[in-house]
């Protein structure tokens, strides 16, 4: 299982993303968060395996992006990208390197 922790910034919410690989290139994604909007995302993603290849490479067909777009009021929230990164790592399509956003000025 891949576990990724995201501190989104000024909103103050922390989200723990768990991506549990299942059959070839599929994984179940769960969210633990204090954010009421991301709780809705977690509920909508449910406990059904997601096809990670579709999530990452079939443009316009990502359940993660569609669900986040419908439930998150801030398009700049870093959690949707983090969910996709956790799914990618969980099925072996990427190494678990920390993505970093840093304001310099």
PDB file of N, CA and C in Angstrom:
ATOM      1  N   UNK A   1       0.840  -1.174   0.000  1.00  0.00           N
ATOM      2  CA  UNK A   1       0.000   0.000   0.000  1.00  0.00           C
ATOM      3  C   UNK A   1       0.888   1.241   0.000  1.00  0.00           C
ATOM      4  N   UNK A   2       0.485   2.208  -0.792  1.00  0.00           N
ATOM      5  CA  UNK A   2       1.180   3.490  -0.843  1.00  0.00           C
ATOM      6  C   UNK A   2       0.418   4.485   0.021  1.00  0.00           C
ATOM      7  N   UNK A   3       1.145   5.187   0.892  1.00  0.00           N
ATOM      8  CA  UNK A   3       0.532   6.200   1.755  1.00  0.00           C
ATOM      9  C   UNK A   3       1.241   7.521   1.474  1.00  0.00           C
ATOM     10  N   UNK A   4       0.451   8.537   1.170  1.00  0.00           N
ATOM     11  CA  UNK A   4       0.989   9.853   0.845  1.00  0.00           C
ATOM     12  C   UNK A   4       0.267  10.890   1.688  1.00  0.00           C
ATOM     13  N   UNK A   5       1.035  11.718   2.396  1.00  0.00           N
ATOM     14  CA  UNK A   5       0.459  12.755   3.246  1.00  0.00           C
ATOM     15  C   UNK A   5       0.621  14.101   2.554  1.00  0.00           C
ATOM     16  N   UNK A   6      -0.481  14.865   2.517  1.00  0.00           N
ATOM     17  CA  UNK A   6      -0.471  16.171   1.863  1.00  0.00           C
ATOM     18  C   UNK A   6      -0.949  17.227   2.851  1.00  0.00           C
ATOM     19  N   UNK A   7      -0.141  18.259   3.020  1.00  0.00           N
ATOM     20  CA  UNK A   7      -0.575  19.436   3.759  1.00  0.00           C
ATOM     21  C   UNK A   7      -0.837  20.491   2.694  1.00  0.00           C
ATOM     22  N   UNK A   8      -2.109  20.833   2.489  1.00  0.00           N
ATOM     23  CA  UNK A   8      -2.512  21.628   1.332  1.00  0.00           C
ATOM     24  C   UNK A   8      -2.109  23.095   1.409  1.00  0.00           C
ATOM     25  N   UNK A   9      -1.800  23.623   2.570  1.00  0.00           N
ATOM     26  CA  UNK A   9      -1.363  25.014   2.652  1.00  0.00           C
ATOM     27  C   UNK A   9      -2.218  25.850   3.563  1.00  0.00           C
ATOM     28  N   UNK A  10      -2.606  27.021   3.086  1.00  0.00           N
ATOM     29  CA  UNK A  10      -3.300  28.013   3.895  1.00  0.00           C
ATOM     30  C   UNK A  10      -4.606  27.487   4.492  1.00  0.00           C
ATOM     31  N   UNK A  11      -5.273  26.581   3.823  1.00  0.00           N
ATOM     32  CA  UNK A  11      -6.536  26.042   4.349  1.00  0.00           C
ATOM     33  C   UNK A  11      -6.316  25.302   5.666  1.00  0.00           C
ATOM     34  N   UNK A  12      -5.092  24.796   5.866  1.00  0.00           N
ATOM     35  CA  UNK A  12      -4.749  24.131   7.114  1.00  0.00           C
ATOM     36  C   UNK A  12      -5.113  22.659   7.180  1.00  0.00           C
ATOM     37  N   UNK A  13      -5.678  22.109   6.106  1.00  0.00           N
ATOM     38  CA  UNK A  13      -6.089  20.704   6.133  1.00  0.00           C
ATOM     39  C   UNK A  13      -4.962  19.775   5.698  1.00  0.00           C
ATOM     40  N   UNK A  14      -4.855  18.675   6.401  1.00  0.00           N
ATOM     41  CA  UNK A  14      -3.946  17.596   6.037  1.00  0.00           C
ATOM     42  C   UNK A  14      -4.799  16.467   5.473  1.00  0.00           C
ATOM     43  N   UNK A  15      -4.314  15.847   4.430  1.00  0.00           N
ATOM     44  CA  UNK A  15      -5.003  14.699   3.847  1.00  0.00           C
ATOM     45  C   UNK A  15      -4.023  13.548   3.730  1.00  0.00           C
ATOM     46  N   UNK A  16      -4.441  12.382   4.178  1.00  0.00           N
ATOM     47  CA  UNK A  16      -3.657  11.163   4.008  1.00  0.00           C
ATOM     48  C   UNK A  16      -4.343  10.345   2.926  1.00  0.00           C
ATOM     49  N   UNK A  17      -3.589  10.063   1.882  1.00  0.00           N
ATOM     50  CA  UNK A  17      -4.086   9.290   0.739  1.00  0.00           C
ATOM     51  C   UNK A  17      -3.501   7.889   0.844  1.00  0.00           C
ATOM     52  N   UNK A  18      -4.364   6.892   0.758  1.00  0.00           N
ATOM     53  CA  UNK A  18      -3.903   5.507   0.754  1.00  0.00           C
ATOM     54  C   UNK A  18      -4.341   4.873  -0.559  1.00  0.00           C
ATOM     55  N   UNK A  19      -3.377   4.330  -1.276  1.00  0.00           N
ATOM     56  CA  UNK A  19      -3.655   3.656  -2.542  1.00  0.00           C
ATOM     57  C   UNK A  19      -3.226   2.203  -2.399  1.00  0.00           C
ATOM     58  N   UNK A  20      -4.205   1.330  -2.427  1.00  0.00           N
ATOM     59  CA  UNK A  20      -3.977  -0.094  -2.210  1.00  0.00           C
ATOM     60  C   UNK A  20      -4.082  -0.830  -3.545  1.00  0.00           C
ATOM     61  N   UNK A  21      -2.959  -1.313  -4.096  1.00  0.00           N
ATOM     62  CA  UNK A  21      -3.008  -1.978  -5.399  1.00  0.00           C
ATOM     63  C   UNK A  21      -3.805  -3.274  -5.345  1.00  0.00           C
ATOM     64  N   UNK A  22      -4.526  -3.514  -6.406  1.00  0.00           N
ATOM     65  CA  UNK A  22      -5.322  -4.745  -6.541  1.00  0.00           C
ATOM     66  C   UNK A  22      -4.803  -5.509  -7.747  1.00  0.00           C
ATOM     67  N   UNK A  23      -5.683  -5.817  -8.682  1.00  0.00           N
ATOM     68  CA  UNK A  23      -5.248  -6.512  -9.893  1.00  0.00           C
ATOM     69  C   UNK A  23      -4.370  -5.591 -10.720  1.00  0.00           C
ATOM     70  N   UNK A  24      -3.804  -6.122 -11.788  1.00  0.00           N
ATOM     71  CA  UNK A  24      -2.879  -5.384 -12.640  1.00  0.00           C
ATOM     72  C   UNK A  24      -3.376  -3.968 -12.947  1.00  0.00           C
ATOM     73  N   UNK A  25      -2.594  -2.987 -12.562  1.00  0.00           N
ATOM     74  CA  UNK A  25      -2.849  -1.567 -12.817  1.00  0.00           C
ATOM     75  C   UNK A  25      -4.186  -1.065 -12.290  1.00  0.00           C
ATOM     76  N   UNK A  26      -4.639  -1.607 -11.167  1.00  0.00           N
ATOM     77  CA  UNK A  26      -5.820  -1.053 -10.506  1.00  0.00           C
ATOM     78  C   UNK A  26      -5.510  -0.909  -9.019  1.00  0.00           C
ATOM     79  N   UNK A  27      -6.184   0.054  -8.394  1.00  0.00           N
ATOM     80  CA  UNK A  27      -5.946   0.310  -6.978  1.00  0.00           C
ATOM     81  C   UNK A  27      -7.185   0.941  -6.364  1.00  0.00           C
ATOM     82  N   UNK A  28      -7.361   0.702  -5.078  1.00  0.00           N
ATOM     83  CA  UNK A  28      -8.429   1.331  -4.306  1.00  0.00           C
ATOM     84  C   UNK A  28      -7.810   2.518  -3.583  1.00  0.00           C
ATOM     85  N   UNK A  29      -8.472   3.666  -3.673  1.00  0.00           N
ATOM     86  CA  UNK A  29      -7.961   4.885  -3.070  1.00  0.00           C
ATOM     87  C   UNK A  29      -8.882   5.326  -1.942  1.00  0.00           C
ATOM     88  N   UNK A  30      -8.299   5.584  -0.767  1.00  0.00           N
ATOM     89  CA  UNK A  30      -9.076   6.117   0.355  1.00  0.00           C
ATOM     90  C   UNK A  30      -8.407   7.395   0.850  1.00  0.00           C
ATOM     91  N   UNK A  31      -9.230   8.292   1.405  1.00  0.00           N
ATOM     92  CA  UNK A  31      -8.741   9.570   1.913  1.00  0.00           C
ATOM     93  C   UNK A  31      -9.111   9.713   3.378  1.00  0.00           C
ATOM     94  N   UNK A  32      -8.166  10.193   4.165  1.00  0.00           N
ATOM     95  CA  UNK A  32      -8.418  10.572   5.553  1.00  0.00           C
ATOM     96  C   UNK A  32      -8.111  12.062   5.625  1.00  0.00           C
ATOM     97  N   UNK A  33      -9.124  12.878   5.918  1.00  0.00           N
ATOM     98  CA  UNK A  33      -8.946  14.318   5.861  1.00  0.00           C
ATOM     99  C   UNK A  33      -9.936  15.048   6.752  1.00  0.00           C
ATOM    100  N   UNK A  34      -9.569  16.257   7.142  1.00  0.00           N
ATOM    101  CA  UNK A  34     -10.490  17.123   7.861  1.00  0.00           C
ATOM    102  C   UNK A  34     -11.259  18.032   6.921  1.00  0.00           C
ATOM    103  N   UNK A  35     -10.873  18.051   5.653  1.00  0.00           N
ATOM    104  CA  UNK A  35     -11.516  18.916   4.664  1.00  0.00           C
ATOM    105  C   UNK A  35     -12.885  18.352   4.292  1.00  0.00           C
ATOM    106  N   UNK A  36     -13.956  19.128   4.488  1.00  0.00           N
ATOM    107  CA  UNK A  36     -15.294  18.617   4.161  1.00  0.00           C
ATOM    108  C   UNK A  36     -15.473  18.327   2.672  1.00  0.00           C
ATOM    109  N   UNK A  37     -14.792  19.076   1.827  1.00  0.00           N
ATOM    110  CA  UNK A  37     -14.914  18.849   0.382  1.00  0.00           C
ATOM    111  C   UNK A  37     -14.186  17.582  -0.050  1.00  0.00           C
ATOM    112  N   UNK A  38     -13.006  17.361   0.522  1.00  0.00           N
ATOM    113  CA  UNK A  38     -12.276  16.140   0.184  1.00  0.00           C
ATOM    114  C   UNK A  38     -12.924  14.903   0.791  1.00  0.00           C
ATOM    115  N   UNK A  39     -13.655  15.072   1.886  1.00  0.00           N
ATOM    116  CA  UNK A  39     -14.427  13.939   2.415  1.00  0.00           C
ATOM    117  C   UNK A  39     -15.443  13.478   1.385  1.00  0.00           C
ATOM    118  N   UNK A  40     -16.078  14.431   0.688  1.00  0.00           N
ATOM    119  CA  UNK A  40     -17.027  14.081  -0.378  1.00  0.00           C
ATOM    120  C   UNK A  40     -16.321  13.351  -1.513  1.00  0.00           C
ATOM    121  N   UNK A  41     -15.115  13.796  -1.840  1.00  0.00           N
ATOM    122  CA  UNK A  41     -14.336  13.125  -2.886  1.00  0.00           C
ATOM    123  C   UNK A  41     -14.053  11.688  -2.468  1.00  0.00           C
ATOM    124  N   UNK A  42     -13.608  11.500  -1.229  1.00  0.00           N
ATOM    125  CA  UNK A  42     -13.314  10.157  -0.735  1.00  0.00           C
ATOM    126  C   UNK A  42     -14.532   9.249  -0.778  1.00  0.00           C
ATOM    127  N   UNK A  43     -15.676   9.793  -0.398  1.00  0.00           N
ATOM    128  CA  UNK A  43     -16.918   9.007  -0.439  1.00  0.00           C
ATOM    129  C   UNK A  43     -17.289   8.655  -1.872  1.00  0.00           C
ATOM    130  N   UNK A  44     -17.118   9.598  -2.790  1.00  0.00           N
ATOM    131  CA  UNK A  44     -17.482   9.362  -4.194  1.00  0.00           C
ATOM    132  C   UNK A  44     -16.547   8.348  -4.858  1.00  0.00           C
ATOM    133  N   UNK A  45     -15.269   8.382  -4.481  1.00  0.00           N
ATOM    134  CA  UNK A  45     -14.341   7.415  -5.062  1.00  0.00           C
ATOM    135  C   UNK A  45     -14.623   6.022  -4.530  1.00  0.00           C
ATOM    136  N   UNK A  46     -15.213   5.958  -3.336  1.00  0.00           N
ATOM    137  CA  UNK A  46     -15.655   4.690  -2.773  1.00  0.00           C
ATOM    138  C   UNK A  46     -14.537   3.709  -2.548  1.00  0.00           C
ATOM    139  N   UNK A  47     -14.904   2.472  -2.552  1.00  0.00           N
ATOM    140  CA  UNK A  47     -13.936   1.416  -2.291  1.00  0.00           C
ATOM    141  C   UNK A  47     -13.794   0.493  -3.489  1.00  0.00           C
ATOM    142  N   UNK A  48     -14.218   0.983  -4.648  1.00  0.00           N
ATOM    143  CA  UNK A  48     -14.063   0.210  -5.887  1.00  0.00           C
ATOM    144  C   UNK A  48     -12.689   0.501  -6.489  1.00  0.00           C
ATOM    145  N   UNK A  49     -12.037  -0.504  -7.034  1.00  0.00           N
ATOM    146  CA  UNK A  49     -10.729  -0.265  -7.659  1.00  0.00           C
ATOM    147  C   UNK A  49     -10.845   0.702  -8.839  1.00  0.00           C
ATOM    148  N   UNK A  50      -9.863   1.568  -8.955  1.00  0.00           N
ATOM    149  CA  UNK A  50      -9.762   2.479 -10.089  1.00  0.00           C
ATOM    150  C   UNK A  50      -8.766   1.908 -11.081  1.00  0.00           C
ATOM    151  N   UNK A  51      -9.056   2.040 -12.370  1.00  0.00           N
ATOM    152  CA  UNK A  51      -8.123   1.638 -13.421  1.00  0.00           C
ATOM    153  C   UNK A  51      -7.072   2.745 -13.532  1.00  0.00           C
ATOM    154  N   UNK A  52      -5.890   2.489 -13.037  1.00  0.00           N
ATOM    155  CA  UNK A  52      -4.864   3.531 -12.953  1.00  0.00           C
ATOM    156  C   UNK A  52      -4.417   3.979 -14.340  1.00  0.00           C
ATOM    157  N   UNK A  53      -4.380   3.099 -15.302  1.00  0.00           N
ATOM    158  CA  UNK A  53      -4.008   3.493 -16.662  1.00  0.00           C
ATOM    159  C   UNK A  53      -5.008   4.509 -17.215  1.00  0.00           C
ATOM    160  N   UNK A  54      -6.288   4.289 -16.970  1.00  0.00           N
ATOM    161  CA  UNK A  54      -7.313   5.243 -17.399  1.00  0.00           C
ATOM    162  C   UNK A  54      -7.155   6.555 -16.642  1.00  0.00           C
ATOM    163  N   UNK A  55      -6.948   6.470 -15.336  1.00  0.00           N
ATOM    164  CA  UNK A  55      -6.799   7.676 -14.520  1.00  0.00           C
ATOM    165  C   UNK A  55      -5.652   8.555 -15.008  1.00  0.00           C
ATOM    166  N   UNK A  56      -4.557   7.943 -15.419  1.00  0.00           N
ATOM    167  CA  UNK A  56      -3.362   8.696 -15.785  1.00  0.00           C
ATOM    168  C   UNK A  56      -3.272   9.070 -17.259  1.00  0.00           C
ATOM    169  N   UNK A  57      -3.807   8.237 -18.139  1.00  0.00           N
ATOM    170  CA  UNK A  57      -3.505   8.422 -19.559  1.00  0.00           C
ATOM    171  C   UNK A  57      -4.703   8.619 -20.481  1.00  0.00           C
ATOM    172  N   UNK A  58      -5.918   8.386 -20.032  1.00  0.00           N
ATOM    173  CA  UNK A  58      -7.100   8.575 -20.887  1.00  0.00           C
ATOM    174  C   UNK A  58      -7.674   9.964 -20.599  1.00  0.00           C
ATOM    175  N   UNK A  59      -7.233  10.936 -21.339  1.00  0.00           N
ATOM    176  CA  UNK A  59      -7.620  12.331 -21.090  1.00  0.00           C
ATOM    177  C   UNK A  59      -9.129  12.494 -21.110  1.00  0.00           C
ATOM    178  N   UNK A  60      -9.626  13.186 -20.085  1.00  0.00           N
ATOM    179  CA  UNK A  60     -11.059  13.431 -19.980  1.00  0.00           C
ATOM    180  C   UNK A  60     -11.853  12.292 -19.373  1.00  0.00           C
ATOM    181  N   UNK A  61     -11.179  11.214 -18.952  1.00  0.00           N
ATOM    182  CA  UNK A  61     -11.887  10.059 -18.420  1.00  0.00           C
ATOM    183  C   UNK A  61     -11.521   9.730 -16.977  1.00  0.00           C
ATOM    184  N   UNK A  62     -10.760  10.582 -16.333  1.00  0.00           N
ATOM    185  CA  UNK A  62     -10.316  10.312 -14.967  1.00  0.00           C
ATOM    186  C   UNK A  62     -11.448  10.518 -13.963  1.00  0.00           C
ATOM    187  N   UNK A  63     -11.781   9.470 -13.236  1.00  0.00           N
ATOM    188  CA  UNK A  63     -12.788   9.579 -12.178  1.00  0.00           C
ATOM    189  C   UNK A  63     -12.286  10.498 -11.069  1.00  0.00           C
ATOM    190  N   UNK A  64     -10.991  10.456 -10.785  1.00  0.00           N
ATOM    191  CA  UNK A  64     -10.416  11.317  -9.747  1.00  0.00           C
ATOM    192  C   UNK A  64     -10.600  12.785 -10.122  1.00  0.00           C
ATOM    193  N   UNK A  65     -10.218  13.150 -11.332  1.00  0.00           N
ATOM    194  CA  UNK A  65     -10.320  14.554 -11.748  1.00  0.00           C
ATOM    195  C   UNK A  65     -11.774  14.991 -11.843  1.00  0.00           C
ATOM    196  N   UNK A  66     -12.634  14.159 -12.402  1.00  0.00           N
ATOM    197  CA  UNK A  66     -14.053  14.497 -12.505  1.00  0.00           C
ATOM    198  C   UNK A  66     -14.665  14.706 -11.125  1.00  0.00           C
ATOM    199  N   UNK A  67     -14.359  13.815 -10.199  1.00  0.00           N
ATOM    200  CA  UNK A  67     -14.906  13.894  -8.845  1.00  0.00           C
ATOM    201  C   UNK A  67     -14.366  15.115  -8.103  1.00  0.00           C
ATOM    202  N   UNK A  68     -13.076  15.378  -8.245  1.00  0.00           N
ATOM    203  CA  UNK A  68     -12.493  16.548  -7.583  1.00  0.00           C
ATOM    204  C   UNK A  68     -13.051  17.842  -8.161  1.00  0.00           C
ATOM    205  N   UNK A  69     -13.202  17.909  -9.463  1.00  0.00           N
ATOM    206  CA  UNK A  69     -13.750  19.102 -10.105  1.00  0.00           C
ATOM    207  C   UNK A  69     -15.165  19.385  -9.601  1.00  0.00           C
ATOM    208  N   UNK A  70     -15.939  18.339  -9.404  1.00  0.00           N
ATOM    209  CA  UNK A  70     -17.327  18.495  -8.949  1.00  0.00           C
ATOM    210  C   UNK A  70     -17.428  18.885  -7.478  1.00  0.00           C
ATOM    211  N   UNK A  71     -16.416  18.587  -6.680  1.00  0.00           N
ATOM    212  CA  UNK A  71     -16.525  18.767  -5.229  1.00  0.00           C
ATOM    213  C   UNK A  71     -15.591  19.794  -4.598  1.00  0.00           C
ATOM    214  N   UNK A  72     -14.544  20.175  -5.283  1.00  0.00           N
ATOM    215  CA  UNK A  72     -13.576  21.104  -4.694  1.00  0.00           C
ATOM    216  C   UNK A  72     -13.792  22.524  -5.210  1.00  0.00           C
ATOM    217  N   UNK A  73     -13.951  23.490  -4.305  1.00  0.00           N
ATOM    218  CA  UNK A  73     -14.161  24.868  -4.748  1.00  0.00           C
ATOM    219  C   UNK A  73     -12.883  25.553  -5.243  1.00  0.00           C
ATOM    220  N   UNK A  74     -11.718  25.007  -4.926  1.00  0.00           N
ATOM    221  CA  UNK A  74     -10.456  25.629  -5.312  1.00  0.00           C
ATOM    222  C   UNK A  74      -9.713  24.737  -6.297  1.00  0.00           C
ATOM    223  N   UNK A  75      -9.597  25.186  -7.535  1.00  0.00           N
ATOM    224  CA  UNK A  75      -8.921  24.367  -8.541  1.00  0.00           C
ATOM    225  C   UNK A  75      -7.429  24.234  -8.280  1.00  0.00           C
ATOM    226  N   UNK A  76      -6.882  25.102  -7.416  1.00  0.00           N
ATOM    227  CA  UNK A  76      -5.452  25.034  -7.129  1.00  0.00           C
ATOM    228  C   UNK A  76      -5.107  24.066  -5.993  1.00  0.00           C
ATOM    229  N   UNK A  77      -6.085  23.388  -5.441  1.00  0.00           N
ATOM    230  CA  UNK A  77      -5.830  22.406  -4.389  1.00  0.00           C
ATOM    231  C   UNK A  77      -4.856  21.342  -4.922  1.00  0.00           C
ATOM    232  N   UNK A  78      -3.776  21.057  -4.193  1.00  0.00           N
ATOM    233  CA  UNK A  78      -2.796  20.083  -4.667  1.00  0.00           C
ATOM    234  C   UNK A  78      -3.210  18.626  -4.472  1.00  0.00           C
ATOM    235  N   UNK A  79      -4.296  18.376  -3.778  1.00  0.00           N
ATOM    236  CA  UNK A  79      -4.662  16.993  -3.454  1.00  0.00           C
ATOM    237  C   UNK A  79      -5.031  16.160  -4.680  1.00  0.00           C
ATOM    238  N   UNK A  80      -5.777  16.679  -5.677  1.00  0.00           N
ATOM    239  CA  UNK A  80      -6.073  15.827  -6.837  1.00  0.00           C
ATOM    240  C   UNK A  80      -4.824  15.269  -7.515  1.00  0.00           C
ATOM    241  N   UNK A  81      -3.812  16.110  -7.703  1.00  0.00           N
ATOM    242  CA  UNK A  81      -2.564  15.618  -8.298  1.00  0.00           C
ATOM    243  C   UNK A  81      -1.897  14.595  -7.393  1.00  0.00           C
ATOM    244  N   UNK A  82      -1.982  14.812  -6.096  1.00  0.00           N
ATOM    245  CA  UNK A  82      -1.383  13.878  -5.141  1.00  0.00           C
ATOM    246  C   UNK A  82      -2.096  12.525  -5.168  1.00  0.00           C
ATOM    247  N   UNK A  83      -3.411  12.541  -5.337  1.00  0.00           N
ATOM    248  CA  UNK A  83      -4.154  11.275  -5.452  1.00  0.00           C
ATOM    249  C   UNK A  83      -3.647  10.496  -6.650  1.00  0.00           C
ATOM    250  N   UNK A  84      -3.512  11.185  -7.788  1.00  0.00           N
ATOM    251  CA  UNK A  84      -3.023  10.511  -8.990  1.00  0.00           C
ATOM    252  C   UNK A  84      -1.602  10.004  -8.800  1.00  0.00           C
ATOM    253  N   UNK A  85      -0.765  10.779  -8.126  1.00  0.00           N
ATOM    254  CA  UNK A  85       0.617  10.352  -7.869  1.00  0.00           C
ATOM    255  C   UNK A  85       0.641   9.104  -6.984  1.00  0.00           C
ATOM    256  N   UNK A  86      -0.207   9.069  -5.949  1.00  0.00           N
ATOM    257  CA  UNK A  86      -0.268   7.899  -5.072  1.00  0.00           C
ATOM    258  C   UNK A  86      -0.719   6.662  -5.842  1.00  0.00           C
ATOM    259  N   UNK A  87      -1.711   6.823  -6.709  1.00  0.00           N
ATOM    260  CA  UNK A  87      -2.174   5.695  -7.528  1.00  0.00           C
ATOM    261  C   UNK A  87      -1.054   5.202  -8.438  1.00  0.00           C
ATOM    262  N   UNK A  88      -0.349   6.139  -9.062  1.00  0.00           N
ATOM    263  CA  UNK A  88       0.740   5.804  -9.980  1.00  0.00           C
ATOM    264  C   UNK A  88       1.836   5.000  -9.277  1.00  0.00           C
ATOM    265  N   UNK A  89       2.224   5.453  -8.097  1.00  0.00           N
ATOM    266  CA  UNK A  89       3.265   4.759  -7.330  1.00  0.00           C
ATOM    267  C   UNK A  89       2.769   3.389  -6.867  1.00  0.00           C
ATOM    268  N   UNK A  90       1.508   3.323  -6.463  1.00  0.00           N
ATOM    269  CA  UNK A  90       0.979   2.072  -5.898  1.00  0.00           C
ATOM    270  C   UNK A  90       1.030   0.900  -6.867  1.00  0.00           C
ATOM    271  N   UNK A  91       0.915   1.184  -8.166  1.00  0.00           N
ATOM    272  CA  UNK A  91       0.938   0.086  -9.144  1.00  0.00           C
ATOM    273  C   UNK A  91       2.288  -0.053  -9.842  1.00  0.00           C
ATOM    274  N   UNK A  92       3.290   0.681  -9.349  1.00  0.00           N
ATOM    275  CA  UNK A  92       4.645   0.516  -9.870  1.00  0.00           C
ATOM    276  C   UNK A  92       4.966   1.316 -11.115  1.00  0.00           C
ATOM    277  N   UNK A  93       4.154   2.328 -11.432  1.00  0.00           N
ATOM    278  CA  UNK A  93       4.423   3.142 -12.620  1.00  0.00           C
ATOM    279  C   UNK A  93       5.326   4.338 -12.330  1.00  0.00           C
ATOM    280  N   UNK A  94       5.628   4.566 -11.070  1.00  0.00           N
ATOM    281  CA  UNK A  94       6.526   5.654 -10.677  1.00  0.00           C
ATOM    282  C   UNK A  94       7.199   5.286  -9.357  1.00  0.00           C
ATOM    283  N   UNK A  95       8.335   5.899  -9.112  1.00  0.00           N
ATOM    284  CA  UNK A  95       9.018   5.717  -7.840  1.00  0.00           C
ATOM    285  C   UNK A  95       8.458   6.705  -6.821  1.00  0.00           C
ATOM    286  N   UNK A  96       8.507   6.370  -5.543  1.00  0.00           N
ATOM    287  CA  UNK A  96       7.923   7.238  -4.514  1.00  0.00           C
ATOM    288  C   UNK A  96       8.838   8.404  -4.126  1.00  0.00           C
ATOM    289  N   UNK A  97       8.967   9.375  -5.026  1.00  0.00           N
ATOM    290  CA  UNK A  97       9.738  10.586  -4.735  1.00  0.00           C
ATOM    291  C   UNK A  97       8.765  11.697  -4.354  1.00  0.00           C
ATOM    292  N   UNK A  98       9.130  12.487  -3.345  1.00  0.00           N
ATOM    293  CA  UNK A  98       8.261  13.562  -2.873  1.00  0.00           C
ATOM    294  C   UNK A  98       8.173  14.701  -3.888  1.00  0.00           C
ATOM    295  N   UNK A  99       6.967  15.022  -4.355  1.00  0.00           N
ATOM    296  CA  UNK A  99       6.813  16.243  -5.138  1.00  0.00           C
ATOM    297  C   UNK A  99       6.886  17.428  -4.198  1.00  0.00           C
ATOM    298  N   UNK A 100       7.417  18.562  -4.659  1.00  0.00           N
ATOM    299  CA  UNK A 100       7.586  19.724  -3.785  1.00  0.00           C
ATOM    300  C   UNK A 100       7.130  20.980  -4.511  1.00  0.00           C
ATOM    301  N   UNK A 101       6.356  21.795  -3.804  1.00  0.00           N
ATOM    302  CA  UNK A 101       5.998  23.142  -4.272  1.00  0.00           C
ATOM    303  C   UNK A 101       6.594  24.115  -3.275  1.00  0.00           C
ATOM    304  N   UNK A 102       7.404  25.046  -3.750  1.00  0.00           N
ATOM    305  CA  UNK A 102       8.043  25.993  -2.826  1.00  0.00           C
ATOM    306  C   UNK A 102       7.978  27.402  -3.407  1.00  0.00           C
ATOM    307  N   UNK A 103       7.367  28.321  -2.646  1.00  0.00           N
ATOM    308  CA  UNK A 103       7.368  29.718  -3.064  1.00  0.00           C
ATOM    309  C   UNK A 103       8.730  30.319  -2.757  1.00  0.00           C
ATOM    310  N   UNK A 104       9.309  31.013  -3.707  1.00  0.00           N
ATOM    311  CA  UNK A 104      10.642  31.595  -3.535  1.00  0.00           C
ATOM    312  C   UNK A 104      10.581  33.094  -3.275  1.00  0.00           C
ATOM    313  N   UNK A 105       9.524  33.769  -3.650  1.00  0.00           N
ATOM    314  CA  UNK A 105       9.380  35.206  -3.390  1.00  0.00           C
ATOM    315  C   UNK A 105       7.946  35.531  -3.077  1.00  0.00           C
TER     316      UNK A 105
END
